[in-house]
Amino acid sequence: MGMGTSLLALWTVVHIFDWWVPYAKNAPQNLGRYTFYRQRTQILPVIGSHYPPDAGHAILDFFLFMAFALALTATITNLRSRRPSSNAI
């Protein structure tokens, strides 16, 4: 359980720093990615020169953040109860 949560945490951090920080900070490295993804559906607005992630990544990240939150909650609950997971190897 901890390994899965750790991998979800890594994936979440990568997506935050790869998509959302450049969108929030107007990072110039996002321009090349935006020109590649601009043909795809956009659900977030372009604010000034802040280029948003495409709809596919925005929706994927919504599910990723929810999965990470649930996995983290389950891991913390399992560690507090001090009993091993029923599916532990």
N, C-alpha and C. Protein backbone atom coordinates (compact mmCIF):
# COMPACT_ATOMS: atom_id res chain seq x y z
N MET A 1 0.82 -1.19 0.00
CA MET A 1 0.00 0.00 0.00
C MET A 1 0.86 1.25 0.00
N GLY A 2 1.91 1.21 0.76
CA GLY A 2 2.80 2.35 0.83
C GLY A 2 3.54 2.58 -0.48
N MET A 3 3.89 1.51 -1.17
CA MET A 3 4.59 1.63 -2.45
C MET A 3 3.68 2.28 -3.50
N GLY A 4 2.43 1.86 -3.54
CA GLY A 4 1.48 2.45 -4.48
C GLY A 4 1.24 3.92 -4.20
N THR A 5 1.13 4.27 -2.93
CA THR A 5 0.93 5.66 -2.55
C THR A 5 2.17 6.48 -2.89
N SER A 6 3.35 5.90 -2.70
CA SER A 6 4.58 6.61 -3.05
C SER A 6 4.67 6.88 -4.55
N LEU A 7 4.29 5.90 -5.36
CA LEU A 7 4.32 6.09 -6.81
C LEU A 7 3.28 7.11 -7.26
N LEU A 8 2.11 7.09 -6.64
CA LEU A 8 1.10 8.12 -6.95
C LEU A 8 1.59 9.50 -6.53
N ALA A 9 2.29 9.58 -5.42
CA ALA A 9 2.85 10.86 -4.97
C ALA A 9 3.88 11.38 -5.98
N LEU A 10 4.72 10.49 -6.48
CA LEU A 10 5.72 10.88 -7.48
C LEU A 10 5.03 11.38 -8.75
N TRP A 11 4.03 10.65 -9.22
CA TRP A 11 3.31 11.03 -10.43
C TRP A 11 2.60 12.38 -10.23
N THR A 12 2.03 12.58 -9.05
CA THR A 12 1.35 13.83 -8.74
C THR A 12 2.33 15.00 -8.75
N VAL A 13 3.48 14.83 -8.12
CA VAL A 13 4.48 15.90 -8.08
C VAL A 13 4.98 16.23 -9.48
N VAL A 14 5.21 15.20 -10.30
CA VAL A 14 5.65 15.43 -11.67
C VAL A 14 4.61 16.25 -12.44
N HIS A 15 3.34 15.88 -12.31
CA HIS A 15 2.30 16.61 -13.03
C HIS A 15 2.13 18.04 -12.51
N ILE A 16 2.26 18.23 -11.22
CA ILE A 16 2.14 19.58 -10.66
C ILE A 16 3.24 20.48 -11.21
N PHE A 17 4.48 19.99 -11.18
CA PHE A 17 5.59 20.82 -11.64
C PHE A 17 5.70 20.87 -13.16
N ASP A 18 5.12 19.92 -13.85
CA ASP A 18 5.20 19.90 -15.31
C ASP A 18 4.07 20.68 -15.97
N TRP A 19 2.88 20.71 -15.35
CA TRP A 19 1.72 21.36 -15.97
C TRP A 19 1.21 22.56 -15.21
N TRP A 20 1.03 22.42 -13.90
CA TRP A 20 0.30 23.45 -13.15
C TRP A 20 1.17 24.61 -12.69
N VAL A 21 2.40 24.37 -12.30
CA VAL A 21 3.30 25.47 -11.92
C VAL A 21 3.59 26.36 -13.13
N PRO A 22 3.93 25.80 -14.31
CA PRO A 22 4.12 26.69 -15.46
C PRO A 22 2.86 27.47 -15.83
N TYR A 23 1.67 26.86 -15.68
CA TYR A 23 0.42 27.57 -15.97
C TYR A 23 0.21 28.72 -14.99
N ALA A 24 0.53 28.50 -13.73
CA ALA A 24 0.32 29.53 -12.72
C ALA A 24 1.38 30.63 -12.78
N LYS A 25 2.62 30.27 -13.15
CA LYS A 25 3.72 31.23 -13.10
C LYS A 25 4.11 31.83 -14.45
N ASN A 26 3.44 31.45 -15.54
CA ASN A 26 3.79 31.95 -16.87
C ASN A 26 5.22 31.60 -17.22
N ALA A 27 5.56 30.33 -17.03
CA ALA A 27 6.93 29.89 -17.32
C ALA A 27 7.13 29.75 -18.83
N PRO A 28 8.24 30.26 -19.35
CA PRO A 28 8.47 30.22 -20.79
C PRO A 28 8.64 28.81 -21.35
N GLN A 29 9.03 27.84 -20.54
CA GLN A 29 9.20 26.48 -21.05
C GLN A 29 7.86 25.84 -21.42
N ASN A 30 6.77 26.44 -20.99
CA ASN A 30 5.45 25.91 -21.32
C ASN A 30 5.02 26.28 -22.74
N LEU A 31 5.64 27.24 -23.36
CA LEU A 31 5.25 27.69 -24.69
C LEU A 31 5.39 26.59 -25.74
N GLY A 32 6.49 25.88 -25.73
CA GLY A 32 6.68 24.78 -26.68
C GLY A 32 5.65 23.69 -26.51
N ARG A 33 5.34 23.36 -25.29
CA ARG A 33 4.34 22.33 -25.02
C ARG A 33 2.96 22.82 -25.46
N TYR A 34 2.68 24.09 -25.22
CA TYR A 34 1.38 24.63 -25.59
C TYR A 34 1.19 24.59 -27.11
N THR A 35 2.22 24.91 -27.86
CA THR A 35 2.07 24.88 -29.32
C THR A 35 1.81 23.47 -29.80
N PHE A 36 2.34 22.46 -29.10
CA PHE A 36 2.06 21.07 -29.46
C PHE A 36 0.62 20.69 -29.11
N TYR A 37 0.12 21.13 -27.97
CA TYR A 37 -1.20 20.73 -27.49
C TYR A 37 -2.31 21.72 -27.85
N ARG A 38 -2.03 22.82 -28.52
CA ARG A 38 -3.06 23.81 -28.78
C ARG A 38 -4.14 23.33 -29.74
N GLN A 39 -3.85 22.30 -30.55
CA GLN A 39 -4.86 21.75 -31.45
C GLN A 39 -5.88 20.89 -30.70
N ARG A 40 -5.58 20.55 -29.48
CA ARG A 40 -6.49 19.72 -28.68
C ARG A 40 -7.46 20.62 -27.94
N THR A 41 -8.47 20.01 -27.38
CA THR A 41 -9.51 20.75 -26.66
C THR A 41 -8.94 21.40 -25.42
N GLN A 42 -9.25 22.67 -25.22
CA GLN A 42 -8.83 23.41 -24.03
C GLN A 42 -10.07 23.68 -23.17
N ILE A 43 -9.99 23.37 -21.88
CA ILE A 43 -11.11 23.69 -21.00
C ILE A 43 -10.77 24.82 -20.03
N LEU A 44 -9.47 25.11 -19.89
CA LEU A 44 -9.05 26.21 -19.04
C LEU A 44 -8.67 27.39 -19.92
N PRO A 45 -8.90 28.60 -19.45
CA PRO A 45 -8.62 29.76 -20.29
C PRO A 45 -7.13 30.09 -20.36
N VAL A 46 -6.75 30.71 -21.47
CA VAL A 46 -5.41 31.29 -21.58
C VAL A 46 -5.50 32.67 -20.94
N ILE A 47 -4.78 32.86 -19.86
CA ILE A 47 -4.81 34.13 -19.13
C ILE A 47 -3.51 34.86 -19.44
N GLY A 48 -3.61 35.93 -20.22
CA GLY A 48 -2.40 36.63 -20.65
C GLY A 48 -1.58 35.70 -21.52
N SER A 49 -0.39 35.37 -21.06
CA SER A 49 0.42 34.38 -21.77
C SER A 49 0.65 33.14 -20.91
N HIS A 50 -0.29 32.87 -20.00
CA HIS A 50 -0.27 31.65 -19.19
C HIS A 50 -0.99 30.57 -19.98
N TYR A 51 -0.26 29.60 -20.48
CA TYR A 51 -0.85 28.58 -21.34
C TYR A 51 -1.31 27.38 -20.51
N PRO A 52 -2.58 27.00 -20.63
CA PRO A 52 -3.11 25.92 -19.80
C PRO A 52 -2.78 24.54 -20.37
N PRO A 53 -2.86 23.52 -19.52
CA PRO A 53 -2.78 22.16 -20.03
C PRO A 53 -4.03 21.86 -20.86
N ASP A 54 -3.92 20.92 -21.78
CA ASP A 54 -5.08 20.56 -22.58
C ASP A 54 -6.10 19.83 -21.71
N ALA A 55 -7.28 19.63 -22.27
CA ALA A 55 -8.38 19.03 -21.51
C ALA A 55 -8.05 17.62 -21.04
N GLY A 56 -7.36 16.87 -21.88
CA GLY A 56 -7.00 15.50 -21.49
C GLY A 56 -6.15 15.46 -20.24
N HIS A 57 -5.14 16.34 -20.17
CA HIS A 57 -4.29 16.37 -18.98
C HIS A 57 -5.02 16.97 -17.78
N ALA A 58 -5.88 17.94 -18.01
CA ALA A 58 -6.63 18.53 -16.90
C ALA A 58 -7.56 17.49 -16.26
N ILE A 59 -8.24 16.71 -17.09
CA ILE A 59 -9.14 15.67 -16.57
C ILE A 59 -8.34 14.54 -15.93
N LEU A 60 -7.25 14.13 -16.58
CA LEU A 60 -6.38 13.11 -16.01
C LEU A 60 -5.87 13.54 -14.64
N ASP A 61 -5.45 14.79 -14.52
CA ASP A 61 -4.93 15.27 -13.24
C ASP A 61 -6.02 15.34 -12.18
N PHE A 62 -7.25 15.66 -12.57
CA PHE A 62 -8.35 15.64 -11.60
C PHE A 62 -8.48 14.26 -10.99
N PHE A 63 -8.48 13.22 -11.83
CA PHE A 63 -8.59 11.85 -11.32
C PHE A 63 -7.32 11.43 -10.58
N LEU A 64 -6.17 11.88 -11.04
CA LEU A 64 -4.92 11.56 -10.36
C LEU A 64 -4.89 12.15 -8.96
N PHE A 65 -5.28 13.41 -8.82
CA PHE A 65 -5.26 14.05 -7.50
C PHE A 65 -6.25 13.38 -6.55
N MET A 66 -7.42 12.99 -7.08
CA MET A 66 -8.39 12.28 -6.24
C MET A 66 -7.86 10.91 -5.81
N ALA A 67 -7.25 10.17 -6.74
CA ALA A 67 -6.69 8.86 -6.42
C ALA A 67 -5.58 8.97 -5.39
N PHE A 68 -4.73 9.99 -5.54
CA PHE A 68 -3.65 10.18 -4.57
C PHE A 68 -4.21 10.52 -3.19
N ALA A 69 -5.22 11.38 -3.14
CA ALA A 69 -5.83 11.75 -1.85
C ALA A 69 -6.44 10.53 -1.17
N LEU A 70 -7.13 9.69 -1.94
CA LEU A 70 -7.73 8.48 -1.36
C LEU A 70 -6.66 7.49 -0.92
N ALA A 71 -5.62 7.31 -1.72
CA ALA A 71 -4.55 6.38 -1.35
C ALA A 71 -3.81 6.85 -0.11
N LEU A 72 -3.55 8.15 -0.04
CA LEU A 72 -2.87 8.69 1.14
C LEU A 72 -3.73 8.53 2.39
N THR A 73 -5.02 8.80 2.26
CA THR A 73 -5.93 8.63 3.39
C THR A 73 -5.97 7.17 3.84
N ALA A 74 -6.05 6.25 2.88
CA ALA A 74 -6.09 4.82 3.23
C ALA A 74 -4.78 4.38 3.88
N THR A 75 -3.66 4.86 3.37
CA THR A 75 -2.37 4.49 3.94
C THR A 75 -2.22 5.00 5.37
N ILE A 76 -2.60 6.25 5.59
CA ILE A 76 -2.52 6.82 6.94
C ILE A 76 -3.45 6.09 7.90
N THR A 77 -4.65 5.79 7.45
CA THR A 77 -5.59 5.04 8.29
C THR A 77 -5.04 3.66 8.62
N ASN A 78 -4.45 3.01 7.64
CA ASN A 78 -3.87 1.69 7.87
C ASN A 78 -2.70 1.75 8.84
N LEU A 79 -1.86 2.77 8.72
CA LEU A 79 -0.73 2.89 9.63
C LEU A 79 -1.18 3.23 11.05
N ARG A 80 -2.23 4.01 11.19
CA ARG A 80 -2.73 4.35 12.53
C ARG A 80 -3.36 3.16 13.22
N SER A 81 -3.98 2.28 12.46
CA SER A 81 -4.64 1.13 13.07
C SER A 81 -3.65 0.05 13.48
N ARG A 82 -2.42 0.16 12.99
CA ARG A 82 -1.33 -0.76 13.33
C ARG A 82 -1.65 -2.21 12.95
N ARG A 83 -2.50 -2.42 12.00
CA ARG A 83 -2.74 -3.78 11.55
C ARG A 83 -2.41 -3.85 10.07
N PRO A 84 -1.86 -4.94 9.64
CA PRO A 84 -1.48 -5.05 8.23
C PRO A 84 -2.71 -5.12 7.32
N SER A 85 -2.49 -4.73 6.11
CA SER A 85 -3.54 -4.80 5.11
C SER A 85 -3.93 -6.26 4.89
N SER A 86 -5.20 -6.51 4.61
CA SER A 86 -5.64 -7.89 4.39
C SER A 86 -5.04 -8.48 3.11
N ASN A 87 -4.58 -7.62 2.21
CA ASN A 87 -3.99 -8.09 0.95
C ASN A 87 -2.47 -8.03 0.98
N ALA A 88 -1.88 -7.87 2.14
CA ALA A 88 -0.43 -7.75 2.23
C ALA A 88 0.25 -9.06 1.84
N ILE A 89 1.38 -8.92 1.20
CA ILE A 89 2.12 -10.13 0.77
C ILE A 89 3.00 -10.61 1.88
